[in-house]
Amino acid sequence: MVKYIKKLTDYFKKEWLTFAGALTGSVAGYLYWYFIGCNSGTCPITSNPTNSTLYGTLLGALIFNLFRRDKK
């Protein structure tokens, strides 16, 4: 069990920027739906808070992952 926790914390330390981007993107996606959104319901992403939040999560993780440095 301790070995599993060590692996998990090492992975989180390595990928913390991606997790931070996912969290930031999910909050931004939800706020975008809440304040701007799509009133008619015809927009595939912004008409539903779940879709908007998931899309923001994906984009946030990808964008923050661009700034990660690889150790050589």
Protein backbone atom coordinates (compact mmCIF):
# COMPACT_ATOMS: atom_id res chain seq x y z
CA MET A 1 0.00 0.00 0.00
CA VAL A 2 2.82 2.39 0.85
CA LYS A 3 4.50 1.61 -2.46
CA TYR A 4 1.29 2.49 -4.31
CA ILE A 5 0.97 5.80 -2.46
CA LYS A 6 4.60 6.65 -3.27
CA LYS A 7 4.00 5.94 -6.97
CA LEU A 8 0.87 8.06 -6.91
CA THR A 9 2.57 11.03 -5.25
CA ASP A 10 5.53 10.78 -7.64
CA TYR A 11 3.13 10.80 -10.59
CA PHE A 12 1.26 13.81 -9.19
CA LYS A 13 4.52 15.68 -8.64
CA LYS A 14 5.51 14.97 -12.23
CA GLU A 15 2.15 15.91 -13.76
CA TRP A 16 1.03 18.69 -11.41
CA LEU A 17 0.92 21.28 -14.18
CA THR A 18 -1.51 19.19 -16.23
CA PHE A 19 -3.78 18.72 -13.21
CA ALA A 20 -3.66 22.45 -12.46
CA GLY A 21 -4.60 23.18 -16.07
CA ALA A 22 -7.49 20.73 -15.94
CA LEU A 23 -8.82 22.34 -12.77
CA THR A 24 -8.43 25.85 -14.17
CA GLY A 25 -10.03 24.87 -17.46
CA SER A 26 -12.99 23.19 -15.80
CA VAL A 27 -13.72 26.29 -13.73
CA ALA A 28 -13.31 28.50 -16.81
CA GLY A 29 -15.58 26.25 -18.87
CA TYR A 30 -18.32 26.34 -16.25
CA LEU A 31 -18.04 30.10 -15.86
CA TYR A 32 -18.20 30.51 -19.61
CA TRP A 33 -21.44 28.49 -19.69
CA TYR A 34 -22.86 30.43 -16.74
CA PHE A 35 -22.12 33.96 -17.95
CA ILE A 36 -22.05 33.64 -21.75
CA GLY A 37 -23.51 30.26 -22.72
CA CYS A 38 -26.07 29.60 -25.42
CA ASN A 39 -29.67 30.52 -24.70
CA SER A 40 -31.23 28.83 -27.71
CA GLY A 41 -29.79 25.39 -26.91
CA THR A 42 -28.43 24.85 -30.41
CA CYS A 43 -24.75 25.27 -29.51
CA PRO A 44 -23.25 21.81 -28.98
CA ILE A 45 -20.66 22.84 -26.38
CA THR A 46 -22.06 25.81 -24.49
CA SER A 47 -25.70 24.76 -24.27
CA ASN A 48 -25.00 22.26 -21.47
CA PRO A 49 -22.83 22.94 -18.37
CA THR A 50 -21.40 19.41 -18.46
CA ASN A 51 -20.19 19.73 -22.04
CA SER A 52 -18.76 23.18 -21.41
CA THR A 53 -16.94 22.04 -18.26
CA LEU A 54 -15.49 18.93 -19.91
CA TYR A 55 -14.35 20.91 -22.93
CA GLY A 56 -12.71 23.48 -20.66
CA THR A 57 -11.02 20.71 -18.69
CA LEU A 58 -9.53 19.20 -21.83
CA LEU A 59 -8.35 22.51 -23.23
CA GLY A 60 -6.92 23.65 -19.89
CA ALA A 61 -4.94 20.45 -19.47
CA LEU A 62 -3.60 20.64 -23.02
CA ILE A 63 -2.66 24.30 -22.82
CA PHE A 64 -0.96 24.01 -19.42
CA ASN A 65 0.85 20.89 -20.64
CA LEU A 66 2.53 22.99 -23.34
CA PHE A 67 4.55 24.78 -20.63
CA ARG A 68 5.93 21.64 -19.02
CA ARG A 69 9.67 21.15 -19.16
CA ASP A 70 11.09 17.70 -19.68
CA LYS A 71 14.07 16.79 -17.52
CA LYS A 72 17.05 15.50 -19.43
